């Protein structure tokens, strides 16, 4: 297993982790296969989205805030961070990347983003390299 940390500075933050992903691929000497990424936190997630226009991440944050506002009378969780739990569940805790010729197979405008919803924090991302022997 491989791991790296992500330092966040805001309550909600989308952090491009492409460089970390590429470093793991290189360290694992993964030529072809899958790289499974996992975020072991209940108030953070991971996703793939556009890397070219920062307004996309702004709009994503806006939409998630509309769906799960930080303050809602119906929330019961005693810690007061129910919105972060909802948003993390919507993004999901893990994803798999196809690796071909040592490169993640992402579209032209795609990047991998760590999604913070209860920051600032120091978070972990775990990874497992699965080789294609064929």
N, C-alpha and C. Protein backbone atom coordinates (compact mmCIF):
# COMPACT_ATOMS: atom_id res chain seq x y z
N UNK A 1 0.84 -1.18 0.00
CA UNK A 1 0.00 0.00 0.00
C UNK A 1 0.89 1.25 0.00
N UNK A 2 0.42 2.28 -0.65
CA UNK A 2 1.10 3.56 -0.72
C UNK A 2 0.20 4.59 -0.05
N UNK A 3 0.77 5.69 0.39
CA UNK A 3 -0.03 6.72 1.05
C UNK A 3 0.63 8.08 0.89
N UNK A 4 -0.19 9.11 0.98
CA UNK A 4 0.30 10.47 1.05
C UNK A 4 -0.70 11.30 1.84
N UNK A 5 -0.27 12.48 2.26
CA UNK A 5 -1.15 13.36 3.03
C UNK A 5 -1.51 14.58 2.21
N UNK A 6 -2.66 15.14 2.57
CA UNK A 6 -3.14 16.37 1.95
C UNK A 6 -3.44 17.35 3.09
N UNK A 7 -2.86 18.53 3.00
CA UNK A 7 -3.12 19.60 3.98
C UNK A 7 -4.16 20.54 3.38
N UNK A 8 -5.27 20.71 4.09
CA UNK A 8 -6.28 21.65 3.60
C UNK A 8 -6.30 22.88 4.49
N UNK A 9 -6.73 23.99 3.91
CA UNK A 9 -6.69 25.26 4.61
C UNK A 9 -8.07 25.89 4.82
N UNK A 10 -9.10 25.29 4.20
CA UNK A 10 -10.45 25.85 4.30
C UNK A 10 -11.44 24.74 4.66
N UNK A 11 -12.64 25.15 5.07
CA UNK A 11 -13.68 24.17 5.38
C UNK A 11 -13.97 23.30 4.17
N UNK A 12 -14.20 23.93 3.03
CA UNK A 12 -14.42 23.20 1.79
C UNK A 12 -13.30 23.55 0.83
N UNK A 13 -12.66 22.52 0.29
CA UNK A 13 -11.54 22.75 -0.61
C UNK A 13 -11.36 21.54 -1.52
N UNK A 14 -11.15 21.82 -2.79
CA UNK A 14 -10.86 20.77 -3.77
C UNK A 14 -9.37 20.89 -4.12
N UNK A 15 -8.60 19.86 -3.81
CA UNK A 15 -7.16 19.88 -3.98
C UNK A 15 -6.77 18.94 -5.12
N UNK A 16 -6.13 19.49 -6.14
CA UNK A 16 -5.65 18.68 -7.25
C UNK A 16 -4.51 17.80 -6.75
N UNK A 17 -4.67 16.47 -6.88
CA UNK A 17 -3.65 15.54 -6.39
C UNK A 17 -2.99 14.76 -7.53
N UNK A 18 -3.05 15.30 -8.75
CA UNK A 18 -2.44 14.63 -9.90
C UNK A 18 -0.95 14.32 -9.68
N UNK A 19 -0.21 15.25 -9.12
CA UNK A 19 1.23 15.03 -8.92
C UNK A 19 1.47 13.88 -7.94
N UNK A 20 0.67 13.80 -6.89
CA UNK A 20 0.80 12.69 -5.93
C UNK A 20 0.47 11.36 -6.60
N UNK A 21 -0.58 11.36 -7.42
CA UNK A 21 -0.97 10.14 -8.14
C UNK A 21 0.16 9.67 -9.05
N UNK A 22 0.74 10.61 -9.80
CA UNK A 22 1.83 10.25 -10.71
C UNK A 22 3.06 9.75 -9.95
N UNK A 23 3.32 10.34 -8.79
CA UNK A 23 4.45 9.91 -7.97
C UNK A 23 4.25 8.47 -7.49
N UNK A 24 3.03 8.12 -7.11
CA UNK A 24 2.75 6.75 -6.68
C UNK A 24 2.90 5.78 -7.85
N UNK A 25 2.39 6.15 -9.01
CA UNK A 25 2.52 5.29 -10.20
C UNK A 25 3.99 5.02 -10.47
N UNK A 26 4.81 6.06 -10.38
CA UNK A 26 6.25 5.93 -10.63
C UNK A 26 6.92 5.08 -9.55
N UNK A 27 6.60 5.36 -8.30
CA UNK A 27 7.19 4.61 -7.18
C UNK A 27 6.83 3.13 -7.25
N UNK A 28 5.57 2.86 -7.61
CA UNK A 28 5.09 1.47 -7.69
C UNK A 28 5.56 0.78 -8.97
N UNK A 29 6.17 1.55 -9.86
CA UNK A 29 6.59 1.01 -11.17
C UNK A 29 5.41 0.34 -11.87
N UNK A 30 4.27 1.04 -11.81
CA UNK A 30 3.04 0.53 -12.41
C UNK A 30 2.97 0.94 -13.87
N UNK A 31 3.19 -0.02 -14.74
CA UNK A 31 3.16 0.24 -16.19
C UNK A 31 1.73 0.18 -16.72
N UNK A 32 1.04 -0.91 -16.44
CA UNK A 32 -0.35 -1.10 -16.88
C UNK A 32 -1.14 -1.75 -15.75
N UNK A 33 -2.34 -1.26 -15.54
CA UNK A 33 -3.19 -1.82 -14.49
C UNK A 33 -4.14 -0.79 -13.95
N UNK A 34 -4.40 -0.89 -12.65
CA UNK A 34 -5.29 0.04 -11.96
C UNK A 34 -4.59 0.63 -10.75
N UNK A 35 -4.87 1.86 -10.46
CA UNK A 35 -4.46 2.47 -9.20
C UNK A 35 -5.73 2.78 -8.45
N UNK A 36 -5.92 2.09 -7.33
CA UNK A 36 -7.09 2.29 -6.48
C UNK A 36 -6.73 3.32 -5.42
N UNK A 37 -7.50 4.40 -5.34
CA UNK A 37 -7.28 5.46 -4.35
C UNK A 37 -8.42 5.44 -3.34
N UNK A 38 -8.08 5.64 -2.07
CA UNK A 38 -9.09 5.59 -1.02
C UNK A 38 -8.81 6.69 0.01
N UNK A 39 -9.86 7.38 0.41
CA UNK A 39 -9.79 8.43 1.43
C UNK A 39 -10.45 7.88 2.69
N UNK A 40 -9.66 7.62 3.77
CA UNK A 40 -10.21 7.00 4.97
C UNK A 40 -10.81 8.00 5.96
N UNK A 41 -11.63 8.90 5.47
CA UNK A 41 -12.23 9.93 6.32
C UNK A 41 -13.71 10.06 5.97
N UNK A 42 -14.54 10.30 6.98
CA UNK A 42 -15.99 10.38 6.74
C UNK A 42 -16.46 11.77 6.34
N UNK A 43 -15.58 12.75 6.36
CA UNK A 43 -15.96 14.10 5.96
C UNK A 43 -15.09 14.62 4.82
N UNK A 44 -14.53 13.70 4.06
CA UNK A 44 -13.73 14.04 2.88
C UNK A 44 -13.99 12.98 1.82
N UNK A 45 -13.70 13.31 0.57
CA UNK A 45 -13.93 12.37 -0.51
C UNK A 45 -12.91 12.56 -1.62
N UNK A 46 -13.21 11.95 -2.76
CA UNK A 46 -12.32 12.02 -3.91
C UNK A 46 -13.16 11.98 -5.17
N UNK A 47 -12.74 12.73 -6.19
CA UNK A 47 -13.49 12.75 -7.44
C UNK A 47 -12.57 13.10 -8.60
N UNK A 48 -13.07 12.91 -9.79
CA UNK A 48 -12.40 13.36 -11.02
C UNK A 48 -13.29 14.43 -11.63
N UNK A 49 -12.67 15.56 -11.99
CA UNK A 49 -13.44 16.62 -12.61
C UNK A 49 -12.51 17.52 -13.41
N UNK A 50 -13.06 18.62 -13.92
CA UNK A 50 -12.32 19.51 -14.81
C UNK A 50 -11.21 20.25 -14.07
N UNK A 51 -10.06 20.38 -14.76
CA UNK A 51 -8.90 21.07 -14.18
C UNK A 51 -8.59 22.40 -14.85
N UNK A 52 -9.31 22.76 -15.89
CA UNK A 52 -8.96 23.95 -16.68
C UNK A 52 -9.61 25.23 -16.16
N UNK A 53 -10.87 25.17 -15.83
CA UNK A 53 -11.62 26.35 -15.42
C UNK A 53 -11.94 26.27 -13.93
N UNK A 54 -11.35 27.13 -13.10
CA UNK A 54 -11.61 27.07 -11.66
C UNK A 54 -13.08 27.32 -11.30
N UNK A 55 -13.83 27.91 -12.22
CA UNK A 55 -15.25 28.12 -11.96
C UNK A 55 -16.01 26.80 -11.82
N UNK A 56 -15.51 25.74 -12.43
CA UNK A 56 -16.16 24.43 -12.30
C UNK A 56 -16.15 23.98 -10.84
N UNK A 57 -15.00 24.11 -10.17
CA UNK A 57 -14.92 23.72 -8.77
C UNK A 57 -15.75 24.65 -7.89
N UNK A 58 -15.78 25.91 -8.22
CA UNK A 58 -16.65 26.85 -7.51
C UNK A 58 -18.10 26.43 -7.63
N UNK A 59 -18.51 26.09 -8.86
CA UNK A 59 -19.90 25.69 -9.10
C UNK A 59 -20.23 24.38 -8.40
N UNK A 60 -19.27 23.46 -8.34
CA UNK A 60 -19.47 22.21 -7.64
C UNK A 60 -19.69 22.47 -6.15
N UNK A 61 -18.87 23.32 -5.58
CA UNK A 61 -19.03 23.69 -4.17
C UNK A 61 -20.39 24.35 -3.94
N UNK A 62 -20.78 25.26 -4.83
CA UNK A 62 -22.07 25.94 -4.73
C UNK A 62 -23.22 24.93 -4.75
N UNK A 63 -23.19 24.00 -5.70
CA UNK A 63 -24.26 23.01 -5.82
C UNK A 63 -24.33 22.10 -4.59
N UNK A 64 -23.16 21.67 -4.10
CA UNK A 64 -23.16 20.83 -2.91
C UNK A 64 -23.69 21.58 -1.69
N UNK A 65 -23.36 22.87 -1.59
CA UNK A 65 -23.89 23.68 -0.48
C UNK A 65 -25.40 23.83 -0.57
N UNK A 66 -25.95 23.88 -1.77
CA UNK A 66 -27.41 23.96 -1.94
C UNK A 66 -28.06 22.65 -1.50
N UNK A 67 -27.43 21.54 -1.86
CA UNK A 67 -27.99 20.22 -1.52
C UNK A 67 -27.84 19.93 -0.03
N UNK A 68 -26.68 20.26 0.51
CA UNK A 68 -26.38 19.98 1.92
C UNK A 68 -25.81 21.24 2.57
N UNK A 69 -26.69 22.19 2.92
CA UNK A 69 -26.20 23.43 3.56
C UNK A 69 -25.57 23.13 4.92
N UNK A 70 -24.61 23.98 5.30
CA UNK A 70 -23.89 23.75 6.54
C UNK A 70 -24.83 23.76 7.74
N UNK A 71 -25.79 24.65 7.76
CA UNK A 71 -26.74 24.72 8.88
C UNK A 71 -28.13 24.34 8.39
N UNK A 72 -28.68 23.30 8.97
CA UNK A 72 -30.04 22.88 8.67
C UNK A 72 -30.67 22.37 9.96
N UNK A 73 -31.87 22.83 10.24
CA UNK A 73 -32.54 22.49 11.50
C UNK A 73 -32.76 21.00 11.68
N UNK A 74 -32.88 20.26 10.60
CA UNK A 74 -33.20 18.83 10.70
C UNK A 74 -31.98 17.95 11.02
N UNK A 75 -30.77 18.48 10.93
CA UNK A 75 -29.59 17.67 11.23
C UNK A 75 -29.60 17.25 12.70
N UNK A 76 -29.20 16.01 12.98
CA UNK A 76 -29.18 15.49 14.34
C UNK A 76 -27.77 15.20 14.87
N UNK A 77 -26.81 15.05 13.98
CA UNK A 77 -25.45 14.68 14.39
C UNK A 77 -24.89 15.72 15.36
N UNK A 78 -24.46 15.26 16.52
CA UNK A 78 -24.06 16.16 17.61
C UNK A 78 -22.82 16.99 17.31
N UNK A 79 -21.94 16.51 16.42
CA UNK A 79 -20.71 17.27 16.13
C UNK A 79 -20.97 18.54 15.34
N UNK A 80 -22.12 18.63 14.69
CA UNK A 80 -22.44 19.82 13.91
C UNK A 80 -21.83 19.86 12.52
N UNK A 81 -21.35 18.73 12.02
CA UNK A 81 -20.75 18.70 10.69
C UNK A 81 -21.48 17.74 9.74
N UNK A 82 -22.79 17.65 9.92
CA UNK A 82 -23.59 16.74 9.09
C UNK A 82 -23.44 17.03 7.61
N UNK A 83 -23.38 18.31 7.25
CA UNK A 83 -23.24 18.67 5.83
C UNK A 83 -21.97 18.07 5.24
N UNK A 84 -20.90 18.05 6.02
CA UNK A 84 -19.64 17.47 5.54
C UNK A 84 -19.79 15.98 5.29
N UNK A 85 -20.50 15.28 6.15
CA UNK A 85 -20.73 13.85 5.96
C UNK A 85 -21.55 13.58 4.70
N UNK A 86 -22.58 14.39 4.48
CA UNK A 86 -23.43 14.22 3.30
C UNK A 86 -22.61 14.45 2.02
N UNK A 87 -21.85 15.52 1.98
CA UNK A 87 -21.05 15.85 0.80
C UNK A 87 -19.99 14.79 0.53
N UNK A 88 -19.35 14.30 1.59
CA UNK A 88 -18.34 13.25 1.41
C UNK A 88 -18.96 11.99 0.83
N UNK A 89 -20.16 11.66 1.29
CA UNK A 89 -20.84 10.48 0.74
C UNK A 89 -21.21 10.68 -0.72
N UNK A 90 -21.54 11.89 -1.09
CA UNK A 90 -21.89 12.17 -2.48
C UNK A 90 -20.67 12.04 -3.39
N UNK A 91 -19.52 12.47 -2.94
CA UNK A 91 -18.29 12.36 -3.74
C UNK A 91 -17.78 10.93 -3.74
N UNK A 92 -17.90 10.27 -2.61
CA UNK A 92 -17.42 8.90 -2.47
C UNK A 92 -16.03 8.85 -1.88
N UNK A 93 -15.69 7.72 -1.23
CA UNK A 93 -14.41 7.59 -0.56
C UNK A 93 -13.29 7.04 -1.44
N UNK A 94 -13.61 6.56 -2.64
CA UNK A 94 -12.56 5.93 -3.43
C UNK A 94 -12.85 6.00 -4.92
N UNK A 95 -11.80 5.75 -5.69
CA UNK A 95 -11.94 5.64 -7.14
C UNK A 95 -10.78 4.83 -7.69
N UNK A 96 -10.99 4.29 -8.87
CA UNK A 96 -9.96 3.50 -9.55
C UNK A 96 -9.56 4.21 -10.83
N UNK A 97 -8.27 4.29 -11.07
CA UNK A 97 -7.74 4.89 -12.29
C UNK A 97 -7.10 3.82 -13.16
N UNK A 98 -7.44 3.81 -14.42
CA UNK A 98 -6.77 2.93 -15.37
C UNK A 98 -5.40 3.53 -15.66
N UNK A 99 -4.38 2.70 -15.60
CA UNK A 99 -3.01 3.13 -15.90
C UNK A 99 -2.55 2.40 -17.15
N UNK A 100 -2.10 3.15 -18.13
CA UNK A 100 -1.56 2.56 -19.37
C UNK A 100 -0.24 3.25 -19.68
N UNK A 101 0.78 2.44 -19.94
CA UNK A 101 2.13 2.95 -20.22
C UNK A 101 2.60 3.93 -19.15
N UNK A 102 2.27 3.62 -17.89
CA UNK A 102 2.72 4.42 -16.76
C UNK A 102 2.00 5.74 -16.57
N UNK A 103 0.88 5.95 -17.28
CA UNK A 103 0.13 7.20 -17.18
C UNK A 103 -1.32 6.95 -16.80
N UNK A 104 -1.88 7.78 -15.92
CA UNK A 104 -3.31 7.66 -15.64
C UNK A 104 -4.12 8.04 -16.88
N UNK A 105 -5.12 7.27 -17.18
CA UNK A 105 -5.93 7.51 -18.37
C UNK A 105 -7.06 8.48 -18.02
N UNK A 106 -6.72 9.75 -18.11
CA UNK A 106 -7.66 10.83 -17.83
C UNK A 106 -7.93 11.60 -19.12
N UNK A 107 -9.11 12.18 -19.21
CA UNK A 107 -9.43 13.01 -20.36
C UNK A 107 -8.62 14.30 -20.35
N UNK A 108 -8.65 15.02 -21.45
CA UNK A 108 -7.84 16.23 -21.63
C UNK A 108 -7.99 17.21 -20.47
N UNK A 109 -9.19 17.41 -20.00
CA UNK A 109 -9.43 18.42 -18.97
C UNK A 109 -9.63 17.83 -17.58
N UNK A 110 -9.39 16.53 -17.41
CA UNK A 110 -9.66 15.88 -16.14
C UNK A 110 -8.44 15.85 -15.22
N UNK A 111 -8.75 15.97 -13.92
CA UNK A 111 -7.77 15.80 -12.86
C UNK A 111 -8.44 15.07 -11.71
N UNK A 112 -7.61 14.54 -10.82
CA UNK A 112 -8.10 13.89 -9.61
C UNK A 112 -8.07 14.92 -8.50
N UNK A 113 -9.18 15.04 -7.78
CA UNK A 113 -9.29 16.02 -6.70
C UNK A 113 -9.62 15.35 -5.38
N UNK A 114 -8.86 15.71 -4.35
CA UNK A 114 -9.22 15.39 -2.98
C UNK A 114 -10.26 16.42 -2.57
N UNK A 115 -11.34 15.99 -1.95
CA UNK A 115 -12.45 16.88 -1.61
C UNK A 115 -12.57 17.02 -0.09
N UNK A 116 -12.24 18.17 0.42
CA UNK A 116 -12.33 18.46 1.85
C UNK A 116 -13.66 19.13 2.16
N UNK A 117 -14.35 18.64 3.18
CA UNK A 117 -15.63 19.25 3.56
C UNK A 117 -15.71 19.61 5.04
N UNK A 118 -14.62 19.41 5.80
CA UNK A 118 -14.63 19.72 7.23
C UNK A 118 -13.25 20.18 7.68
N UNK A 119 -12.66 21.05 6.86
CA UNK A 119 -11.31 21.51 7.14
C UNK A 119 -11.29 22.76 7.97
N UNK A 120 -10.08 23.27 8.14
CA UNK A 120 -8.81 22.74 7.63
C UNK A 120 -8.37 21.50 8.42
N UNK A 121 -7.70 20.62 7.70
CA UNK A 121 -7.26 19.35 8.29
C UNK A 121 -6.01 18.83 7.58
N UNK A 122 -5.41 17.84 8.20
CA UNK A 122 -4.35 17.04 7.58
C UNK A 122 -4.98 15.68 7.32
N UNK A 123 -5.05 15.29 6.06
CA UNK A 123 -5.79 14.09 5.65
C UNK A 123 -4.86 13.08 4.98
N UNK A 124 -5.34 11.86 4.91
CA UNK A 124 -4.60 10.77 4.26
C UNK A 124 -5.30 10.32 2.99
N UNK A 125 -4.52 9.88 2.04
CA UNK A 125 -5.02 9.18 0.85
C UNK A 125 -4.20 7.91 0.75
N UNK A 126 -4.89 6.78 0.63
CA UNK A 126 -4.23 5.49 0.50
C UNK A 126 -4.37 5.03 -0.94
N UNK A 127 -3.41 4.27 -1.41
CA UNK A 127 -3.44 3.77 -2.79
C UNK A 127 -2.91 2.34 -2.86
N UNK A 128 -3.49 1.59 -3.78
CA UNK A 128 -3.04 0.24 -4.06
C UNK A 128 -2.87 0.11 -5.57
N UNK A 129 -1.73 -0.40 -5.98
CA UNK A 129 -1.45 -0.62 -7.40
C UNK A 129 -1.79 -2.06 -7.77
N UNK A 130 -2.61 -2.21 -8.79
CA UNK A 130 -2.99 -3.53 -9.29
C UNK A 130 -2.45 -3.68 -10.70
N UNK A 131 -1.54 -4.62 -10.89
CA UNK A 131 -0.89 -4.77 -12.19
C UNK A 131 -1.70 -5.63 -13.15
N UNK A 132 -1.69 -5.21 -14.40
CA UNK A 132 -2.28 -5.99 -15.48
C UNK A 132 -1.17 -6.88 -16.04
N UNK A 133 -1.28 -8.14 -15.79
CA UNK A 133 -0.23 -9.08 -16.20
C UNK A 133 -0.40 -9.55 -17.64
N UNK A 134 -1.49 -9.12 -18.30
CA UNK A 134 -1.81 -9.62 -19.64
C UNK A 134 -1.11 -8.97 -20.76
